[in-house]
């Protein structure tokens, strides 16, 4: 995904999350994170982003948080997130990032 996908990403995050600790419902915020080094991957179905995840990269410390994982309800159970996270991991490894981690919230889907 690139900056032209920011509006679609923000629409996905608005649809999936009632609340979120960062303003992912704001496409300008998503563009800002991309410019700061975050990498977004997503699946598009019929012109709509239906699943996405990002890697918030810290190049200095060579780590990345795997975050912003969201899939529209009707597209769950197809293994999309597994594919997205694997692709993100491949890309960060290619860029010299050797540690990745994620945080789960108690009310999040498993």
PDB file of N, CA and C in Angstrom:
ATOM      1  N   UNK A   1       0.845  -1.163   0.000  1.00  0.00           N
ATOM      2  CA  UNK A   1       0.000   0.000   0.000  1.00  0.00           C
ATOM      3  C   UNK A   1       0.899   1.238   0.000  1.00  0.00           C
ATOM      4  N   UNK A   2       0.398   2.309  -0.602  1.00  0.00           N
ATOM      5  CA  UNK A   2       1.144   3.561  -0.596  1.00  0.00           C
ATOM      6  C   UNK A   2       0.207   4.702  -0.222  1.00  0.00           C
ATOM      7  N   UNK A   3       0.704   5.926  -0.334  1.00  0.00           N
ATOM      8  CA  UNK A   3      -0.063   7.087   0.118  1.00  0.00           C
ATOM      9  C   UNK A   3      -1.409   7.217  -0.594  1.00  0.00           C
ATOM     10  N   UNK A   4      -1.519   6.724  -1.817  1.00  0.00           N
ATOM     11  CA  UNK A   4      -2.795   6.799  -2.532  1.00  0.00           C
ATOM     12  C   UNK A   4      -3.841   5.878  -1.916  1.00  0.00           C
ATOM     13  N   UNK A   5      -3.427   4.946  -1.077  1.00  0.00           N
ATOM     14  CA  UNK A   5      -4.341   4.019  -0.409  1.00  0.00           C
ATOM     15  C   UNK A   5      -4.791   4.503   0.970  1.00  0.00           C
ATOM     16  N   UNK A   6      -4.313   5.664   1.398  1.00  0.00           N
ATOM     17  CA  UNK A   6      -4.588   6.134   2.759  1.00  0.00           C
ATOM     18  C   UNK A   6      -6.078   6.277   3.041  1.00  0.00           C
ATOM     19  N   UNK A   7      -6.845   6.791   2.097  1.00  0.00           N
ATOM     20  CA  UNK A   7      -8.286   6.952   2.327  1.00  0.00           C
ATOM     21  C   UNK A   7      -8.963   5.589   2.481  1.00  0.00           C
ATOM     22  N   UNK A   8      -8.571   4.622   1.668  1.00  0.00           N
ATOM     23  CA  UNK A   8      -9.130   3.276   1.782  1.00  0.00           C
ATOM     24  C   UNK A   8      -8.746   2.605   3.084  1.00  0.00           C
ATOM     25  N   UNK A   9      -7.501   2.820   3.512  1.00  0.00           N
ATOM     26  CA  UNK A   9      -7.067   2.269   4.796  1.00  0.00           C
ATOM     27  C   UNK A   9      -7.851   2.891   5.944  1.00  0.00           C
ATOM     28  N   UNK A  10      -8.013   4.216   5.918  1.00  0.00           N
ATOM     29  CA  UNK A  10      -8.755   4.861   7.009  1.00  0.00           C
ATOM     30  C   UNK A  10     -10.208   4.394   7.026  1.00  0.00           C
ATOM     31  N   UNK A  11     -10.805   4.147   5.866  1.00  0.00           N
ATOM     32  CA  UNK A  11     -12.171   3.624   5.817  1.00  0.00           C
ATOM     33  C   UNK A  11     -12.250   2.230   6.433  1.00  0.00           C
ATOM     34  N   UNK A  12     -11.257   1.391   6.145  1.00  0.00           N
ATOM     35  CA  UNK A  12     -11.207   0.055   6.747  1.00  0.00           C
ATOM     36  C   UNK A  12     -11.125   0.164   8.267  1.00  0.00           C
ATOM     37  N   UNK A  13     -10.204   0.993   8.754  1.00  0.00           N
ATOM     38  CA  UNK A  13     -10.016   1.099  10.199  1.00  0.00           C
ATOM     39  C   UNK A  13     -11.256   1.688  10.881  1.00  0.00           C
ATOM     40  N   UNK A  14     -11.954   2.622  10.222  1.00  0.00           N
ATOM     41  CA  UNK A  14     -13.209   3.151  10.780  1.00  0.00           C
ATOM     42  C   UNK A  14     -14.249   2.048  10.908  1.00  0.00           C
ATOM     43  N   UNK A  15     -14.300   1.179   9.911  1.00  0.00           N
ATOM     44  CA  UNK A  15     -15.302   0.106   9.901  1.00  0.00           C
ATOM     45  C   UNK A  15     -15.010  -0.973  10.937  1.00  0.00           C
ATOM     46  N   UNK A  16     -13.736  -1.238  11.207  1.00  0.00           N
ATOM     47  CA  UNK A  16     -13.361  -2.342  12.085  1.00  0.00           C
ATOM     48  C   UNK A  16     -13.268  -1.930  13.552  1.00  0.00           C
ATOM     49  N   UNK A  17     -12.715  -0.753  13.829  1.00  0.00           N
ATOM     50  CA  UNK A  17     -12.444  -0.355  15.211  1.00  0.00           C
ATOM     51  C   UNK A  17     -13.388   0.744  15.673  1.00  0.00           C
ATOM     52  N   UNK A  18     -14.060   0.519  16.802  1.00  0.00           N
ATOM     53  CA  UNK A  18     -14.860   1.573  17.416  1.00  0.00           C
ATOM     54  C   UNK A  18     -13.940   2.622  18.030  1.00  0.00           C
ATOM     55  N   UNK A  19     -12.899   2.143  18.703  1.00  0.00           N
ATOM     56  CA  UNK A  19     -11.870   3.031  19.258  1.00  0.00           C
ATOM     57  C   UNK A  19     -10.512   2.421  18.939  1.00  0.00           C
ATOM     58  N   UNK A  20      -9.495   3.261  18.883  1.00  0.00           N
ATOM     59  CA  UNK A  20      -8.139   2.795  18.607  1.00  0.00           C
ATOM     60  C   UNK A  20      -7.189   3.817  19.213  1.00  0.00           C
ATOM     61  N   UNK A  21      -6.041   3.377  19.713  1.00  0.00           N
ATOM     62  CA  UNK A  21      -5.157   4.310  20.416  1.00  0.00           C
ATOM     63  C   UNK A  21      -4.471   5.352  19.525  1.00  0.00           C
ATOM     64  N   UNK A  22      -4.537   5.188  18.211  1.00  0.00           N
ATOM     65  CA  UNK A  22      -3.999   6.193  17.290  1.00  0.00           C
ATOM     66  C   UNK A  22      -5.103   6.565  16.303  1.00  0.00           C
ATOM     67  N   UNK A  23      -5.023   7.737  15.669  1.00  0.00           N
ATOM     68  CA  UNK A  23      -6.103   8.188  14.773  1.00  0.00           C
ATOM     69  C   UNK A  23      -6.058   7.564  13.372  1.00  0.00           C
ATOM     70  N   UNK A  24      -6.188   6.246  13.305  1.00  0.00           N
ATOM     71  CA  UNK A  24      -6.150   5.554  12.015  1.00  0.00           C
ATOM     72  C   UNK A  24      -7.351   5.871  11.130  1.00  0.00           C
ATOM     73  N   UNK A  25      -8.370   6.513  11.679  1.00  0.00           N
ATOM     74  CA  UNK A  25      -9.512   6.906  10.863  1.00  0.00           C
ATOM     75  C   UNK A  25      -9.234   8.197  10.087  1.00  0.00           C
ATOM     76  N   UNK A  26      -8.031   8.746  10.242  1.00  0.00           N
ATOM     77  CA  UNK A  26      -7.608   9.973   9.569  1.00  0.00           C
ATOM     78  C   UNK A  26      -6.564   9.624   8.505  1.00  0.00           C
ATOM     79  N   UNK A  27      -6.914   9.792   7.249  1.00  0.00           N
ATOM     80  CA  UNK A  27      -6.001   9.416   6.170  1.00  0.00           C
ATOM     81  C   UNK A  27      -4.713  10.232   6.203  1.00  0.00           C
ATOM     82  N   UNK A  28      -4.774  11.476   6.672  1.00  0.00           N
ATOM     83  CA  UNK A  28      -3.545  12.279   6.785  1.00  0.00           C
ATOM     84  C   UNK A  28      -2.577  11.658   7.790  1.00  0.00           C
ATOM     85  N   UNK A  29      -3.121  11.116   8.866  1.00  0.00           N
ATOM     86  CA  UNK A  29      -2.277  10.439   9.857  1.00  0.00           C
ATOM     87  C   UNK A  29      -1.602   9.212   9.237  1.00  0.00           C
ATOM     88  N   UNK A  30      -2.343   8.461   8.440  1.00  0.00           N
ATOM     89  CA  UNK A  30      -1.773   7.275   7.787  1.00  0.00           C
ATOM     90  C   UNK A  30      -0.648   7.682   6.841  1.00  0.00           C
ATOM     91  N   UNK A  31      -0.861   8.737   6.066  1.00  0.00           N
ATOM     92  CA  UNK A  31       0.194   9.239   5.172  1.00  0.00           C
ATOM     93  C   UNK A  31       1.426   9.628   5.989  1.00  0.00           C
ATOM     94  N   UNK A  32       1.210  10.320   7.110  1.00  0.00           N
ATOM     95  CA  UNK A  32       2.326  10.725   7.983  1.00  0.00           C
ATOM     96  C   UNK A  32       3.122   9.510   8.458  1.00  0.00           C
ATOM     97  N   UNK A  33       2.419   8.445   8.882  1.00  0.00           N
ATOM     98  CA  UNK A  33       3.137   7.256   9.356  1.00  0.00           C
ATOM     99  C   UNK A  33       3.915   6.597   8.226  1.00  0.00           C
ATOM    100  N   UNK A  34       3.356   6.611   7.017  1.00  0.00           N
ATOM    101  CA  UNK A  34       4.076   6.067   5.857  1.00  0.00           C
ATOM    102  C   UNK A  34       5.350   6.867   5.601  1.00  0.00           C
ATOM    103  N   UNK A  35       5.250   8.174   5.675  1.00  0.00           N
ATOM    104  CA  UNK A  35       6.410   9.033   5.448  1.00  0.00           C
ATOM    105  C   UNK A  35       7.471   8.848   6.530  1.00  0.00           C
ATOM    106  N   UNK A  36       7.046   8.412   7.709  1.00  0.00           N
ATOM    107  CA  UNK A  36       7.969   8.162   8.819  1.00  0.00           C
ATOM    108  C   UNK A  36       8.522   6.740   8.809  1.00  0.00           C
ATOM    109  N   UNK A  37       8.124   5.922   7.812  1.00  0.00           N
ATOM    110  CA  UNK A  37       8.717   4.605   7.669  1.00  0.00           C
ATOM    111  C   UNK A  37       7.815   3.415   7.904  1.00  0.00           C
ATOM    112  N   UNK A  38       6.558   3.642   8.280  1.00  0.00           N
ATOM    113  CA  UNK A  38       5.655   2.504   8.445  1.00  0.00           C
ATOM    114  C   UNK A  38       5.314   1.912   7.085  1.00  0.00           C
ATOM    115  N   UNK A  39       5.226   0.591   7.063  1.00  0.00           N
ATOM    116  CA  UNK A  39       4.931  -0.145   5.839  1.00  0.00           C
ATOM    117  C   UNK A  39       3.545  -0.757   5.999  1.00  0.00           C
ATOM    118  N   UNK A  40       2.679  -0.550   5.017  1.00  0.00           N
ATOM    119  CA  UNK A  40       1.329  -1.103   5.047  1.00  0.00           C
ATOM    120  C   UNK A  40       1.171  -2.121   3.924  1.00  0.00           C
ATOM    121  N   UNK A  41       0.553  -3.241   4.257  1.00  0.00           N
ATOM    122  CA  UNK A  41       0.167  -4.239   3.261  1.00  0.00           C
ATOM    123  C   UNK A  41      -1.337  -4.442   3.403  1.00  0.00           C
ATOM    124  N   UNK A  42      -1.990  -4.783   2.307  1.00  0.00           N
ATOM    125  CA  UNK A  42      -3.418  -4.999   2.377  1.00  0.00           C
ATOM    126  C   UNK A  42      -3.939  -5.860   1.247  1.00  0.00           C
ATOM    127  N   UNK A  43      -5.154  -6.312   1.423  1.00  0.00           N
ATOM    128  CA  UNK A  43      -5.885  -7.043   0.397  1.00  0.00           C
ATOM    129  C   UNK A  43      -7.022  -6.159  -0.094  1.00  0.00           C
ATOM    130  N   UNK A  44      -7.213  -6.146  -1.408  1.00  0.00           N
ATOM    131  CA  UNK A  44      -8.290  -5.384  -2.028  1.00  0.00           C
ATOM    132  C   UNK A  44      -9.248  -6.365  -2.686  1.00  0.00           C
ATOM    133  N   UNK A  45     -10.544  -6.160  -2.446  1.00  0.00           N
ATOM    134  CA  UNK A  45     -11.587  -6.981  -3.072  1.00  0.00           C
ATOM    135  C   UNK A  45     -12.625  -6.036  -3.668  1.00  0.00           C
ATOM    136  N   UNK A  46     -12.890  -6.170  -4.948  1.00  0.00           N
ATOM    137  CA  UNK A  46     -13.843  -5.304  -5.648  1.00  0.00           C
ATOM    138  C   UNK A  46     -13.551  -3.817  -5.400  1.00  0.00           C
ATOM    139  N   UNK A  47     -12.269  -3.453  -5.433  1.00  0.00           N
ATOM    140  CA  UNK A  47     -11.877  -2.056  -5.290  1.00  0.00           C
ATOM    141  C   UNK A  47     -11.848  -1.520  -3.874  1.00  0.00           C
ATOM    142  N   UNK A  48     -12.120  -2.372  -2.887  1.00  0.00           N
ATOM    143  CA  UNK A  48     -12.157  -1.953  -1.488  1.00  0.00           C
ATOM    144  C   UNK A  48     -11.074  -2.685  -0.702  1.00  0.00           C
ATOM    145  N   UNK A  49     -10.356  -1.951   0.147  1.00  0.00           N
ATOM    146  CA  UNK A  49      -9.383  -2.594   1.037  1.00  0.00           C
ATOM    147  C   UNK A  49     -10.177  -3.324   2.109  1.00  0.00           C
ATOM    148  N   UNK A  50     -10.000  -4.649   2.174  1.00  0.00           N
ATOM    149  CA  UNK A  50     -10.786  -5.472   3.099  1.00  0.00           C
ATOM    150  C   UNK A  50      -9.962  -6.006   4.261  1.00  0.00           C
ATOM    151  N   UNK A  51      -8.636  -5.914   4.150  1.00  0.00           N
ATOM    152  CA  UNK A  51      -7.758  -6.392   5.212  1.00  0.00           C
ATOM    153  C   UNK A  51      -6.432  -5.653   5.085  1.00  0.00           C
ATOM    154  N   UNK A  52      -5.854  -5.284   6.229  1.00  0.00           N
ATOM    155  CA  UNK A  52      -4.580  -4.564   6.199  1.00  0.00           C
ATOM    156  C   UNK A  52      -3.830  -4.764   7.507  1.00  0.00           C
ATOM    157  N   UNK A  53      -2.526  -4.566   7.427  1.00  0.00           N
ATOM    158  CA  UNK A  53      -1.655  -4.593   8.597  1.00  0.00           C
ATOM    159  C   UNK A  53      -0.455  -3.715   8.276  1.00  0.00           C
ATOM    160  N   UNK A  54       0.245  -3.300   9.313  1.00  0.00           N
ATOM    161  CA  UNK A  54       1.423  -2.463   9.081  1.00  0.00           C
ATOM    162  C   UNK A  54       2.583  -2.901   9.964  1.00  0.00           C
ATOM    163  N   UNK A  55       3.754  -2.461   9.551  1.00  0.00           N
ATOM    164  CA  UNK A  55       4.964  -2.629  10.354  1.00  0.00           C
ATOM    165  C   UNK A  55       5.474  -1.228  10.652  1.00  0.00           C
ATOM    166  N   UNK A  56       5.474  -0.883  11.926  1.00  0.00           N
ATOM    167  CA  UNK A  56       5.985   0.417  12.361  1.00  0.00           C
ATOM    168  C   UNK A  56       7.473   0.229  12.641  1.00  0.00           C
ATOM    169  N   UNK A  57       8.290   0.643  11.696  1.00  0.00           N
ATOM    170  CA  UNK A  57       9.716   0.333  11.696  1.00  0.00           C
ATOM    171  C   UNK A  57      10.520   1.364  12.480  1.00  0.00           C
ATOM    172  N   UNK A  58      11.414   0.864  13.320  1.00  0.00           N
ATOM    173  CA  UNK A  58      12.405   1.699  13.993  1.00  0.00           C
ATOM    174  C   UNK A  58      13.764   1.274  13.443  1.00  0.00           C
ATOM    175  N   UNK A  59      14.235   2.004  12.447  1.00  0.00           N
ATOM    176  CA  UNK A  59      15.487   1.641  11.768  1.00  0.00           C
ATOM    177  C   UNK A  59      16.699   1.735  12.681  1.00  0.00           C
ATOM    178  N   UNK A  60      16.694   2.678  13.612  1.00  0.00           N
ATOM    179  CA  UNK A  60      17.848   2.845  14.497  1.00  0.00           C
ATOM    180  C   UNK A  60      18.047   1.619  15.381  1.00  0.00           C
ATOM    181  N   UNK A  61      16.964   1.126  15.972  1.00  0.00           N
ATOM    182  CA  UNK A  61      17.048  -0.027  16.863  1.00  0.00           C
ATOM    183  C   UNK A  61      16.790  -1.352  16.146  1.00  0.00           C
ATOM    184  N   UNK A  62      16.569  -1.300  14.839  1.00  0.00           N
ATOM    185  CA  UNK A  62      16.389  -2.503  14.010  1.00  0.00           C
ATOM    186  C   UNK A  62      15.242  -3.382  14.495  1.00  0.00           C
ATOM    187  N   UNK A  63      14.095  -2.729  14.824  1.00  0.00           N
ATOM    188  CA  UNK A  63      12.918  -3.506  15.206  1.00  0.00           C
ATOM    189  C   UNK A  63      11.678  -2.913  14.558  1.00  0.00           C
ATOM    190  N   UNK A  64      10.603  -3.665  14.621  1.00  0.00           N
ATOM    191  CA  UNK A  64       9.340  -3.193  14.057  1.00  0.00           C
ATOM    192  C   UNK A  64       8.181  -3.771  14.850  1.00  0.00           C
ATOM    193  N   UNK A  65       7.197  -2.911  15.090  1.00  0.00           N
ATOM    194  CA  UNK A  65       5.958  -3.389  15.694  1.00  0.00           C
ATOM    195  C   UNK A  65       5.004  -3.767  14.565  1.00  0.00           C
ATOM    196  N   UNK A  66       4.511  -4.990  14.596  1.00  0.00           N
ATOM    197  CA  UNK A  66       3.506  -5.440  13.651  1.00  0.00           C
ATOM    198  C   UNK A  66       2.172  -5.007  14.245  1.00  0.00           C
ATOM    199  N   UNK A  67       1.469  -4.105  13.541  1.00  0.00           N
ATOM    200  CA  UNK A  67       0.326  -3.448  14.165  1.00  0.00           C
ATOM    201  C   UNK A  67      -0.751  -3.103  13.147  1.00  0.00           C
ATOM    202  N   UNK A  68      -1.772  -2.433  13.615  1.00  0.00           N
ATOM    203  CA  UNK A  68      -2.866  -1.944  12.768  1.00  0.00           C
ATOM    204  C   UNK A  68      -3.489  -3.064  11.941  1.00  0.00           C
ATOM    205  N   UNK A  69      -3.655  -4.216  12.552  1.00  0.00           N
ATOM    206  CA  UNK A  69      -4.221  -5.394  11.876  1.00  0.00           C
ATOM    207  C   UNK A  69      -5.747  -5.316  11.895  1.00  0.00           C
ATOM    208  N   UNK A  70      -6.343  -5.333  10.710  1.00  0.00           N
ATOM    209  CA  UNK A  70      -7.798  -5.238  10.623  1.00  0.00           C
ATOM    210  C   UNK A  70      -8.295  -5.967   9.382  1.00  0.00           C
ATOM    211  N   UNK A  71      -9.402  -6.668   9.541  1.00  0.00           N
ATOM    212  CA  UNK A  71     -10.066  -7.338   8.423  1.00  0.00           C
ATOM    213  C   UNK A  71     -11.564  -7.139   8.585  1.00  0.00           C
ATOM    214  N   UNK A  72     -12.223  -6.754   7.507  1.00  0.00           N
ATOM    215  CA  UNK A  72     -13.675  -6.631   7.555  1.00  0.00           C
ATOM    216  C   UNK A  72     -14.292  -7.970   7.931  1.00  0.00           C
ATOM    217  N   UNK A  73     -15.361  -7.929   8.708  1.00  0.00           N
ATOM    218  CA  UNK A  73     -15.973  -9.134   9.256  1.00  0.00           C
ATOM    219  C   UNK A  73     -16.276 -10.181   8.193  1.00  0.00           C
ATOM    220  N   UNK A  74     -16.807  -9.770   7.052  1.00  0.00           N
ATOM    221  CA  UNK A  74     -17.193 -10.721   6.013  1.00  0.00           C
ATOM    222  C   UNK A  74     -16.001 -11.346   5.285  1.00  0.00           C
ATOM    223  N   UNK A  75     -14.792 -10.857   5.566  1.00  0.00           N
ATOM    224  CA  UNK A  75     -13.595 -11.408   4.934  1.00  0.00           C
ATOM    225  C   UNK A  75     -12.691 -12.151   5.927  1.00  0.00           C
ATOM    226  N   UNK A  76     -13.170 -12.323   7.133  1.00  0.00           N
ATOM    227  CA  UNK A  76     -12.402 -13.074   8.134  1.00  0.00           C
ATOM    228  C   UNK A  76     -12.500 -14.563   7.843  1.00  0.00           C
ATOM    229  N   UNK A  77     -11.604 -15.319   8.438  1.00  0.00           N
ATOM    230  CA  UNK A  77     -11.535 -16.790   8.327  1.00  0.00           C
ATOM    231  C   UNK A  77     -11.009 -17.268   6.978  1.00  0.00           C
ATOM    232  N   UNK A  78     -10.371 -16.373   6.211  1.00  0.00           N
ATOM    233  CA  UNK A  78      -9.744 -16.773   4.954  1.00  0.00           C
ATOM    234  C   UNK A  78      -8.222 -16.759   5.066  1.00  0.00           C
ATOM    235  N   UNK A  79      -7.703 -16.467   6.254  1.00  0.00           N
ATOM    236  CA  UNK A  79      -6.259 -16.455   6.466  1.00  0.00           C
ATOM    237  C   UNK A  79      -5.548 -15.244   5.895  1.00  0.00           C
ATOM    238  N   UNK A  80      -6.278 -14.159   5.650  1.00  0.00           N
ATOM    239  CA  UNK A  80      -5.663 -12.976   5.050  1.00  0.00           C
ATOM    240  C   UNK A  80      -4.574 -12.371   5.940  1.00  0.00           C
ATOM    241  N   UNK A  81      -4.852 -12.291   7.240  1.00  0.00           N
ATOM    242  CA  UNK A  81      -3.881 -11.663   8.138  1.00  0.00           C
ATOM    243  C   UNK A  81      -2.582 -12.458   8.204  1.00  0.00           C
ATOM    244  N   UNK A  82      -2.688 -13.763   8.174  1.00  0.00           N
ATOM    245  CA  UNK A  82      -1.491 -14.608   8.187  1.00  0.00           C
ATOM    246  C   UNK A  82      -0.590 -14.265   6.993  1.00  0.00           C
ATOM    247  N   UNK A  83      -1.203 -14.096   5.835  1.00  0.00           N
ATOM    248  CA  UNK A  83      -0.444 -13.751   4.625  1.00  0.00           C
ATOM    249  C   UNK A  83       0.165 -12.353   4.752  1.00  0.00           C
ATOM    250  N   UNK A  84      -0.624 -11.395   5.223  1.00  0.00           N
ATOM    251  CA  UNK A  84      -0.120 -10.027   5.354  1.00  0.00           C
ATOM    252  C   UNK A  84       1.071  -9.951   6.304  1.00  0.00           C
ATOM    253  N   UNK A  85       0.960 -10.590   7.459  1.00  0.00           N
ATOM    254  CA  UNK A  85       2.056 -10.547   8.431  1.00  0.00           C
ATOM    255  C   UNK A  85       3.307 -11.248   7.902  1.00  0.00           C
ATOM    256  N   UNK A  86       3.128 -12.349   7.195  1.00  0.00           N
ATOM    257  CA  UNK A  86       4.286 -13.036   6.608  1.00  0.00           C
ATOM    258  C   UNK A  86       4.972 -12.155   5.573  1.00  0.00           C
ATOM    259  N   UNK A  87       4.208 -11.460   4.743  1.00  0.00           N
ATOM    260  CA  UNK A  87       4.791 -10.566   3.736  1.00  0.00           C
ATOM    261  C   UNK A  87       5.496  -9.384   4.387  1.00  0.00           C
ATOM    262  N   UNK A  88       4.877  -8.825   5.444  1.00  0.00           N
ATOM    263  CA  UNK A  88       5.528  -7.737   6.175  1.00  0.00           C
ATOM    264  C   UNK A  88       6.839  -8.204   6.786  1.00  0.00           C
ATOM    265  N   UNK A  89       6.837  -9.390   7.384  1.00  0.00           N
ATOM    266  CA  UNK A  89       8.069  -9.926   7.968  1.00  0.00           C
ATOM    267  C   UNK A  89       9.148 -10.090   6.910  1.00  0.00           C
ATOM    268  N   UNK A  90       8.781 -10.608   5.740  1.00  0.00           N
ATOM    269  CA  UNK A  90       9.757 -10.759   4.657  1.00  0.00           C
ATOM    270  C   UNK A  90      10.370  -9.415   4.280  1.00  0.00           C
ATOM    271  N   UNK A  91       9.536  -8.389   4.165  1.00  0.00           N
ATOM    272  CA  UNK A  91      10.048  -7.074   3.766  1.00  0.00           C
ATOM    273  C   UNK A  91      10.955  -6.461   4.820  1.00  0.00           C
ATOM    274  N   UNK A  92      10.568  -6.552   6.082  1.00  0.00           N
ATOM    275  CA  UNK A  92      11.431  -5.933   7.090  1.00  0.00           C
ATOM    276  C   UNK A  92      12.758  -6.676   7.226  1.00  0.00           C
ATOM    277  N   UNK A  93      12.733  -7.988   7.060  1.00  0.00           N
ATOM    278  CA  UNK A  93      13.990  -8.751   7.094  1.00  0.00           C
ATOM    279  C   UNK A  93      14.898  -8.307   5.953  1.00  0.00           C
ATOM    280  N   UNK A  94      14.312  -8.120   4.752  1.00  0.00           N
ATOM    281  CA  UNK A  94      15.090  -7.636   3.605  1.00  0.00           C
ATOM    282  C   UNK A  94      15.712  -6.268   3.882  1.00  0.00           C
ATOM    283  N   UNK A  95      15.078  -5.484   4.760  1.00  0.00           N
ATOM    284  CA  UNK A  95      15.566  -4.148   5.095  1.00  0.00           C
ATOM    285  C   UNK A  95      16.418  -4.127   6.363  1.00  0.00           C
ATOM    286  N   UNK A  96      16.875  -5.295   6.820  1.00  0.00           N
ATOM    287  CA  UNK A  96      17.794  -5.352   7.949  1.00  0.00           C
ATOM    288  C   UNK A  96      17.151  -5.261   9.313  1.00  0.00           C
ATOM    289  N   UNK A  97      15.852  -5.408   9.394  1.00  0.00           N
ATOM    290  CA  UNK A  97      15.160  -5.386  10.687  1.00  0.00           C
ATOM    291  C   UNK A  97      15.098  -6.826  11.180  1.00  0.00           C
ATOM    292  N   UNK A  98      15.661  -7.078  12.343  1.00  0.00           N
ATOM    293  CA  UNK A  98      15.776  -8.463  12.820  1.00  0.00           C
ATOM    294  C   UNK A  98      14.896  -8.800  14.015  1.00  0.00           C
ATOM    295  N   UNK A  99      14.125  -7.838  14.506  1.00  0.00           N
ATOM    296  CA  UNK A  99      13.239  -8.102  15.642  1.00  0.00           C
ATOM    297  C   UNK A  99      11.875  -7.500  15.338  1.00  0.00           C
ATOM    298  N   UNK A 100      10.837  -8.319  15.455  1.00  0.00           N
ATOM    299  CA  UNK A 100       9.485  -7.793  15.306  1.00  0.00           C
ATOM    300  C   UNK A 100       8.644  -8.268  16.480  1.00  0.00           C
ATOM    301  N   UNK A 101       7.646  -7.483  16.812  1.00  0.00           N
ATOM    302  CA  UNK A 101       6.792  -7.805  17.951  1.00  0.00           C
ATOM    303  C   UNK A 101       5.404  -7.233  17.694  1.00  0.00           C
ATOM    304  N   UNK A 102       4.451  -7.660  18.512  1.00  0.00           N
ATOM    305  CA  UNK A 102       3.100  -7.141  18.424  1.00  0.00           C
ATOM    306  C   UNK A 102       2.507  -7.079  19.823  1.00  0.00           C
ATOM    307  N   UNK A 103       1.442  -6.300  19.941  1.00  0.00           N
ATOM    308  CA  UNK A 103       0.725  -6.158  21.208  1.00  0.00           C
ATOM    309  C   UNK A 103      -0.721  -6.568  20.951  1.00  0.00           C
ATOM    310  N   UNK A 104      -1.294  -7.352  21.849  1.00  0.00           N
ATOM    311  CA  UNK A 104      -2.695  -7.748  21.702  1.00  0.00           C
ATOM    312  C   UNK A 104      -3.508  -7.128  22.829  1.00  0.00           C
ATOM    313  N   UNK A 105      -4.715  -6.714  22.519  1.00  0.00           N
ATOM    314  CA  UNK A 105      -5.614  -6.175  23.516  1.00  0.00           C
ATOM    315  C   UNK A 105      -6.660  -7.226  23.872  1.00  0.00           C
ATOM    316  N   UNK A 106      -7.089  -7.236  25.109  1.00  0.00           N
ATOM    317  CA  UNK A 106      -8.001  -8.275  25.607  1.00  0.00           C
ATOM    318  C   UNK A 106      -9.313  -8.342  24.834  1.00  0.00           C
ATOM    319  N   UNK A 107      -9.825  -7.230  24.334  1.00  0.00           N
ATOM    320  CA  UNK A 107     -11.099  -7.233  23.649  1.00  0.00           C
ATOM    321  C   UNK A 107     -10.954  -7.430  22.139  1.00  0.00           C
ATOM    322  N   UNK A 108      -9.727  -7.635  21.661  1.00  0.00           N
ATOM    323  CA  UNK A 108      -9.494  -7.846  20.233  1.00  0.00           C
ATOM    324  C   UNK A 108      -9.895  -9.248  19.827  1.00  0.00           C
ATOM    325  N   UNK A 109     -10.234  -9.413  18.541  1.00  0.00           N
ATOM    326  CA  UNK A 109     -10.486 -10.745  18.006  1.00  0.00           C
ATOM    327  C   UNK A 109      -9.190 -11.536  18.016  1.00  0.00           C
ATOM    328  N   UNK A 110      -9.269 -12.832  18.262  1.00  0.00           N
ATOM    329  CA  UNK A 110      -8.084 -13.693  18.314  1.00  0.00           C
ATOM    330  C   UNK A 110      -7.489 -13.920  16.960  1.00  0.00           C
TER     331      UNK A 110
END
